C-alpha atoms as a PDB file:
ATOM      1  CA  MET A   1     247.153  12.418 180.002  1.00  0.00           C
ATOM      2  CA  GLU A   2     245.510  10.188 182.574  1.00  0.00           C
ATOM      3  CA  PRO A   3     242.044   8.769 181.911  1.00  0.00           C
ATOM      4  CA  ASP A   4     239.362   9.878 184.318  1.00  0.00           C
ATOM      5  CA  ARG A   5     238.346   7.508 187.056  1.00  0.00           C
ATOM      6  CA  SER A   6     234.777   7.011 185.820  1.00  0.00           C
ATOM      7  CA  GLU A   7     236.035   6.020 182.363  1.00  0.00           C
ATOM      8  CA  GLN A   8     238.275   3.363 183.917  1.00  0.00           C
ATOM      9  CA  GLU A   9     235.295   2.012 185.847  1.00  0.00           C
ATOM     10  CA  TRP A  10     233.239   1.785 182.640  1.00  0.00           C
ATOM     11  CA  ILE A  11     236.112   0.008 180.892  1.00  0.00           C
ATOM     12  CA  THR A  12     236.469  -2.484 183.738  1.00  0.00           C
ATOM     13  CA  ARG A  13     232.749  -3.204 183.483  1.00  0.00           C
ATOM     14  CA  CYS A  14     233.132  -3.673 179.698  1.00  0.00           C
ATOM     15  CA  GLN A  15     235.969  -6.123 180.229  1.00  0.00           C
ATOM     16  CA  ARG A  16     233.615  -8.130 182.450  1.00  0.00           C
ATOM     17  CA  GLY A  17     231.137  -8.322 179.544  1.00  0.00           C
ATOM     18  CA  ASP A  18     228.795  -5.422 180.411  1.00  0.00           C
ATOM     19  CA  LYS A  19     227.482  -4.211 177.041  1.00  0.00           C
ATOM     20  CA  GLU A  20     225.652  -1.266 178.622  1.00  0.00           C
ATOM     21  CA  ALA A  21     228.959   0.035 179.959  1.00  0.00           C
ATOM     22  CA  PHE A  22     230.355  -0.048 176.431  1.00  0.00           C
ATOM     23  CA  GLY A  23     227.268   1.885 175.319  1.00  0.00           C
ATOM     24  CA  PHE A  24     228.341   4.653 177.704  1.00  0.00           C
ATOM     25  CA  LEU A  25     231.753   4.842 175.991  1.00  0.00           C
ATOM     26  CA  VAL A  26     230.142   4.875 172.546  1.00  0.00           C
ATOM     27  CA  GLY A  27     227.814   7.693 173.600  1.00  0.00           C
ATOM     28  CA  ARG A  28     230.702   9.665 175.034  1.00  0.00           C
ATOM     29  CA  TYR A  29     232.899   9.476 171.911  1.00  0.00           C
ATOM     30  CA  MET A  30     230.464   8.884 169.038  1.00  0.00           C
ATOM     31  CA  LYS A  31     230.374  12.447 167.716  1.00  0.00           C
ATOM     32  CA  GLN A  32     234.160  12.878 167.925  1.00  0.00           C
ATOM     33  CA  ALA A  33     234.669   9.551 166.156  1.00  0.00           C
ATOM     34  CA  TYR A  34     232.273  10.497 163.367  1.00  0.00           C
ATOM     35  CA  TYR A  35     234.076  13.764 162.626  1.00  0.00           C
ATOM     36  CA  VAL A  36     237.493  12.124 162.692  1.00  0.00           C
ATOM     37  CA  ALA A  37     236.251   9.503 160.217  1.00  0.00           C
ATOM     38  CA  LEU A  38     234.669  12.244 158.091  1.00  0.00           C
ATOM     39  CA  GLY A  39     238.017  13.998 158.001  1.00  0.00           C
ATOM     40  CA  PHE A  40     239.670  10.856 156.694  1.00  0.00           C
ATOM     41  CA  VAL A  41     237.046   9.675 154.192  1.00  0.00           C
ATOM     42  CA  GLY A  42     234.969  12.750 153.259  1.00  0.00           C
ATOM     43  CA  SER A  43     231.627  10.954 153.170  1.00  0.00           C
ATOM     44  CA  HIS A  44     228.842  11.166 155.758  1.00  0.00           C
ATOM     45  CA  ASP A  45     227.645   7.584 155.245  1.00  0.00           C
ATOM     46  CA  ASP A  46     231.150   6.097 155.149  1.00  0.00           C
ATOM     47  CA  ALA A  47     232.147   8.069 158.263  1.00  0.00           C
ATOM     48  CA  LEU A  48     229.145   6.692 160.146  1.00  0.00           C
ATOM     49  CA  ASP A  49     229.851   3.138 158.977  1.00  0.00           C
ATOM     50  CA  LEU A  50     233.561   3.298 159.786  1.00  0.00           C
ATOM     51  CA  SER A  51     233.115   4.856 163.216  1.00  0.00           C
ATOM     52  CA  GLN A  52     230.525   2.182 164.079  1.00  0.00           C
ATOM     53  CA  GLU A  53     232.784  -0.580 162.748  1.00  0.00           C
ATOM     54  CA  ALA A  54     235.646   0.782 164.854  1.00  0.00           C
ATOM     55  CA  PHE A  55     233.423   0.674 167.959  1.00  0.00           C
ATOM     56  CA  ALA A  56     232.469  -2.928 167.143  1.00  0.00           C
ATOM     57  CA  ARG A  57     236.135  -3.870 166.813  1.00  0.00           C
ATOM     58  CA  ALA A  58     236.977  -2.025 170.028  1.00  0.00           C
ATOM     59  CA  PHE A  59     234.269  -3.968 171.876  1.00  0.00           C
ATOM     60  CA  LYS A  60     235.658  -7.273 170.600  1.00  0.00           C
ATOM     61  CA  ALA A  61     239.175  -6.274 171.667  1.00  0.00           C
ATOM     62  CA  ILE A  62     238.305  -4.581 174.979  1.00  0.00           C
ATOM     63  CA  GLY A  63     239.850  -7.480 176.912  1.00  0.00           C
ATOM     64  CA  ARG A  64     243.246  -6.429 175.559  1.00  0.00           C
ATOM     65  CA  PHE A  65     242.801  -2.800 176.604  1.00  0.00           C
ATOM     66  CA  GLU A  66     245.689  -1.725 178.825  1.00  0.00           C
ATOM     67  CA  PRO A  67     244.691  -0.225 182.184  1.00  0.00           C
ATOM     68  CA  GLY A  68     245.805   3.365 182.635  1.00  0.00           C
ATOM     69  CA  ARG A  69     245.303   4.337 178.993  1.00  0.00           C
ATOM     70  CA  ARG A  70     242.557   6.606 177.777  1.00  0.00           C
ATOM     71  CA  PHE A  71     239.848   4.774 175.861  1.00  0.00           C
ATOM     72  CA  TYR A  72     239.622   7.374 173.094  1.00  0.00           C
ATOM     73  CA  THR A  73     243.356   7.257 172.385  1.00  0.00           C
ATOM     74  CA  TRP A  74     243.165   3.480 171.991  1.00  0.00           C
ATOM     75  CA  TYR A  75     239.933   3.664 169.960  1.00  0.00           C
ATOM     76  CA  TYR A  76     241.379   6.395 167.722  1.00  0.00           C
ATOM     77  CA  GLN A  77     244.123   4.042 166.523  1.00  0.00           C
ATOM     78  CA  ILE A  78     241.494   1.453 165.539  1.00  0.00           C
ATOM     79  CA  LEU A  79     239.420   4.096 163.736  1.00  0.00           C
ATOM     80  CA  LYS A  80     242.426   5.646 162.016  1.00  0.00           C
ATOM     81  CA  ASN A  81     243.610   2.272 160.676  1.00  0.00           C
ATOM     82  CA  LEU A  82     240.125   1.409 159.399  1.00  0.00           C
ATOM     83  CA  CYS A  83     239.803   4.774 157.677  1.00  0.00           C
ATOM     84  CA  LEU A  84     243.243   4.645 156.071  1.00  0.00           C
ATOM     85  CA  ASN A  85     242.573   1.110 154.786  1.00  0.00           C
ATOM     86  CA  PHE A  86     239.227   2.290 153.432  1.00  0.00           C
ATOM     87  CA  VAL A  87     240.828   5.262 151.647  1.00  0.00           C
ATOM     88  CA  ARG A  88     243.535   3.060 150.124  1.00  0.00           C
ATOM     89  CA  ALA A  89     240.971   0.533 148.919  1.00  0.00           C
ATOM     90  CA  ARG A  90     238.695   3.135 147.392  1.00  0.00           C
ATOM     91  CA  LYS A  91     241.013   4.564 144.769  1.00  0.00           C
ATOM     92  CA  LYS A  92     238.610   7.230 143.460  1.00  0.00           C
ATOM     93  CA  ARG A  93     237.907  10.517 145.212  1.00  0.00           C
ATOM     94  CA  PRO A  94     234.376  11.324 146.315  1.00  0.00           C
ATOM     95  CA  ILE A  95     232.744  14.667 145.790  1.00  0.00           C
ATOM     96  CA  VAL A  96     232.755  16.112 149.280  1.00  0.00           C
ATOM     97  CA  SER A  97     230.641  18.901 150.612  1.00  0.00           C
ATOM     98  CA  CYS A  98     230.218  20.542 153.958  1.00  0.00           C
ATOM     99  CA  ALA A  99     226.551  19.602 153.612  1.00  0.00           C
ATOM    100  CA  LEU A 100     227.782  16.057 154.256  1.00  0.00           C
ATOM    101  CA  ALA A 101     228.907  17.085 157.715  1.00  0.00           C
ATOM    102  CA  GLU A 102     225.566  16.411 159.345  1.00  0.00           C
ATOM    103  CA  ASP A 103     225.191  15.995 163.021  1.00  0.00           C
ATOM    104  CA  VAL A 104     225.707  12.351 163.970  1.00  0.00           C
ATOM    105  CA  ASP A 105     222.015  11.747 164.517  1.00  0.00           C
ATOM    106  CA  GLY A 106     221.350  13.008 160.976  1.00  0.00           C
ATOM    107  CA  ARG A 107     218.859  15.667 162.050  1.00  0.00           C
ATOM    108  CA  GLU A 108     220.821  18.894 161.921  1.00  0.00           C
ATOM    109  CA  PRO A 109     223.203  19.923 159.138  1.00  0.00           C
ATOM    110  CA  ARG A 110     226.472  21.479 160.308  1.00  0.00           C
ATOM    111  CA  GLU A 111     226.435  24.034 157.501  1.00  0.00           C
ATOM    112  CA  PRO A 112     224.955  27.268 158.845  1.00  0.00           C
ATOM    113  CA  VAL A 113     222.059  28.796 156.999  1.00  0.00           C
ATOM    114  CA  SER A 114     223.082  32.125 155.543  1.00  0.00           C
ATOM    115  CA  THR A 115     221.148  35.167 156.698  1.00  0.00           C
ATOM    116  CA  ASP A 116     222.662  37.274 153.912  1.00  0.00           C
ATOM    117  CA  PRO A 117     219.799  38.495 151.723  1.00  0.00           C
ATOM    118  CA  LEU A 118     222.025  38.824 148.655  1.00  0.00           C
ATOM    119  CA  PRO A 119     221.948  35.688 146.484  1.00  0.00           C
ATOM    120  CA  ASP A 120     225.396  36.470 145.044  1.00  0.00           C
ATOM    121  CA  ALA A 121     226.946  36.478 148.511  1.00  0.00           C
ATOM    122  CA  GLN A 122     225.233  33.164 149.315  1.00  0.00           C
ATOM    123  CA  CYS A 123     226.553  31.619 146.102  1.00  0.00           C
ATOM    124  CA  GLU A 124     230.066  32.886 146.791  1.00  0.00           C
ATOM    125  CA  ALA A 125     229.969  31.511 150.343  1.00  0.00           C
ATOM    126  CA  ALA A 126     228.710  28.138 149.088  1.00  0.00           C
ATOM    127  CA  GLU A 127     231.428  28.048 146.419  1.00  0.00           C
ATOM    128  CA  LEU A 128     234.087  28.895 149.016  1.00  0.00           C
ATOM    129  CA  ARG A 129     232.866  26.103 151.321  1.00  0.00           C
ATOM    130  CA  GLN A 130     232.846  23.628 148.430  1.00  0.00           C
ATOM    131  CA  ASN A 131     236.380  24.656 147.419  1.00  0.00           C
ATOM    132  CA  LEU A 132     237.529  24.297 151.014  1.00  0.00           C
ATOM    133  CA  TRP A 133     236.168  20.751 151.245  1.00  0.00           C
ATOM    134  CA  GLN A 134     237.697  19.866 147.886  1.00  0.00           C
ATOM    135  CA  ALA A 135     241.036  21.353 148.972  1.00  0.00           C
ATOM    136  CA  LEU A 136     240.829  19.348 152.204  1.00  0.00           C
ATOM    137  CA  TRP A 137     240.297  16.238 150.096  1.00  0.00           C
ATOM    138  CA  ASP A 138     243.400  17.084 148.048  1.00  0.00           C
ATOM    139  CA  LEU A 139     245.461  16.682 151.226  1.00  0.00           C
ATOM    140  CA  ASP A 140     247.002  13.500 152.527  1.00  0.00           C
ATOM    141  CA  PRO A 141     244.454  11.686 154.780  1.00  0.00           C
ATOM    142  CA  GLU A 142     246.661  12.251 157.849  1.00  0.00           C
ATOM    143  CA  ASP A 143     246.830  16.011 157.192  1.00  0.00           C
ATOM    144  CA  ARG A 144     243.085  16.156 156.548  1.00  0.00           C
ATOM    145  CA  ALA A 145     242.253  14.295 159.768  1.00  0.00           C
ATOM    146  CA  LEU A 146     244.641  16.486 161.754  1.00  0.00           C
ATOM    147  CA  ILE A 147     243.045  19.702 160.452  1.00  0.00           C
ATOM    148  CA  VAL A 148     239.533  18.368 161.083  1.00  0.00           C
ATOM    149  CA  ALA A 149     240.462  17.284 164.618  1.00  0.00           C
ATOM    150  CA  ARG A 150     242.064  20.616 165.485  1.00  0.00           C
ATOM    151  CA  ASP A 151     239.790  23.082 163.704  1.00  0.00           C
ATOM    152  CA  MET A 152     236.394  21.393 163.579  1.00  0.00           C
ATOM    153  CA  LEU A 153     236.536  19.446 166.821  1.00  0.00           C
ATOM    154  CA  ASP A 154     238.722  21.985 168.640  1.00  0.00           C
ATOM    155  CA  THR A 155     240.936  19.169 169.921  1.00  0.00           C
ATOM    156  CA  SER A 156     243.755  20.420 172.127  1.00  0.00           C
ATOM    157  CA  TYR A 157     247.392  20.076 171.106  1.00  0.00           C
ATOM    158  CA  ARG A 158     247.889  17.891 174.154  1.00  0.00           C
ATOM    159  CA  MET A 159     245.152  15.464 173.082  1.00  0.00           C
ATOM    160  CA  LEU A 160     246.389  15.471 169.478  1.00  0.00           C
ATOM    161  CA  ALA A 161     249.870  14.600 170.747  1.00  0.00           C
ATOM    162  CA  GLU A 162     248.393  11.701 172.677  1.00  0.00           C
ATOM    163  CA  LEU A 163     246.368  10.503 169.683  1.00  0.00           C
ATOM    164  CA  MET A 164     249.338  10.784 167.326  1.00  0.00           C
ATOM    165  CA  GLU A 165     251.699   9.336 169.934  1.00  0.00           C
ATOM    166  CA  CYS A 166     254.238  12.135 169.515  1.00  0.00           C
ATOM    167  CA  PRO A 167     255.332  15.323 171.326  1.00  0.00           C
ATOM    168  CA  GLN A 168     253.138  18.443 171.238  1.00  0.00           C
ATOM    169  CA  GLY A 169     255.808  20.311 169.312  1.00  0.00           C
ATOM    170  CA  THR A 170     255.626  17.699 166.561  1.00  0.00           C
ATOM    171  CA  VAL A 171     251.834  18.075 166.446  1.00  0.00           C
ATOM    172  CA  MET A 172     252.151  21.843 166.151  1.00  0.00           C
ATOM    173  CA  SER A 173     254.717  21.468 163.369  1.00  0.00           C
ATOM    174  CA  ARG A 174     252.597  18.929 161.465  1.00  0.00           C
ATOM    175  CA  LEU A 175     249.539  21.110 161.857  1.00  0.00           C
ATOM    176  CA  TYR A 176     251.437  24.148 160.604  1.00  0.00           C
ATOM    177  CA  TYR A 177     252.590  22.327 157.467  1.00  0.00           C
ATOM    178  CA  ALA A 178     249.166  20.746 156.911  1.00  0.00           C
ATOM    179  CA  GLY A 179     247.612  24.226 157.093  1.00  0.00           C
ATOM    180  CA  ARG A 180     250.208  25.525 154.666  1.00  0.00           C
ATOM    181  CA  ARG A 181     249.414  22.720 152.192  1.00  0.00           C
ATOM    182  CA  LEU A 182     245.694  23.452 152.605  1.00  0.00           C
ATOM    183  CA  ARG A 183     246.272  27.132 151.792  1.00  0.00           C
ATOM    184  CA  GLU A 184     248.259  26.142 148.694  1.00  0.00           C
ATOM    185  CA  CYS A 185     245.434  23.836 147.566  1.00  0.00           C
ATOM    186  CA  MET A 186     242.901  26.622 148.124  1.00  0.00           C
ATOM    187  CA  GLU A 187     245.018  29.092 146.146  1.00  0.00           C
ATOM    188  CA  ARG A 188     245.187  26.658 143.222  1.00  0.00           C
ATOM    189  CA  ARG A 189     241.430  26.121 143.344  1.00  0.00           C
ATOM    190  CA  MET A 190     240.539  29.775 143.656  1.00  0.00           C
ATOM    191  CA  GLY A 191     242.959  30.660 140.875  1.00  0.00           C
END
């Protein structure tokens, strides 16, 4: 997939030292980066920190960016490596919750407010969401990030193939098996 012309112009400006141009790239991909990091690490604060750290590293390395590539594909590799290193270093599992999935600016929670007047139904829905997040955390970080990218960010198979640097068929296969493992984890949790 070819990068768009305006993105290449912003990157060229960045390579000449224009920090405002890099700010454009950050603004364009900040939300996507946050959710990818959240998929890997399961923590709102850590996802924010890691996505920001990845942008800082990308800015420092922008001179080595290869023309003709898409910025997000290149940035994704930096973010993915940071997140995987973070997960490996932090041996214990966090308690994750969909309430952690706040909007990037921290103002609006992603979890919808239930309009169901029955408290039992609200409790069941909250328990299901919590079990889903816990089951997601039971998965391998790569599977978790793939599911988050596809289902929460609605990333196309084509873009996932570019990010994972593999054919679309491989992405579809990996996603299928990741979904299967997620269902198995949910079944174990729900008993």
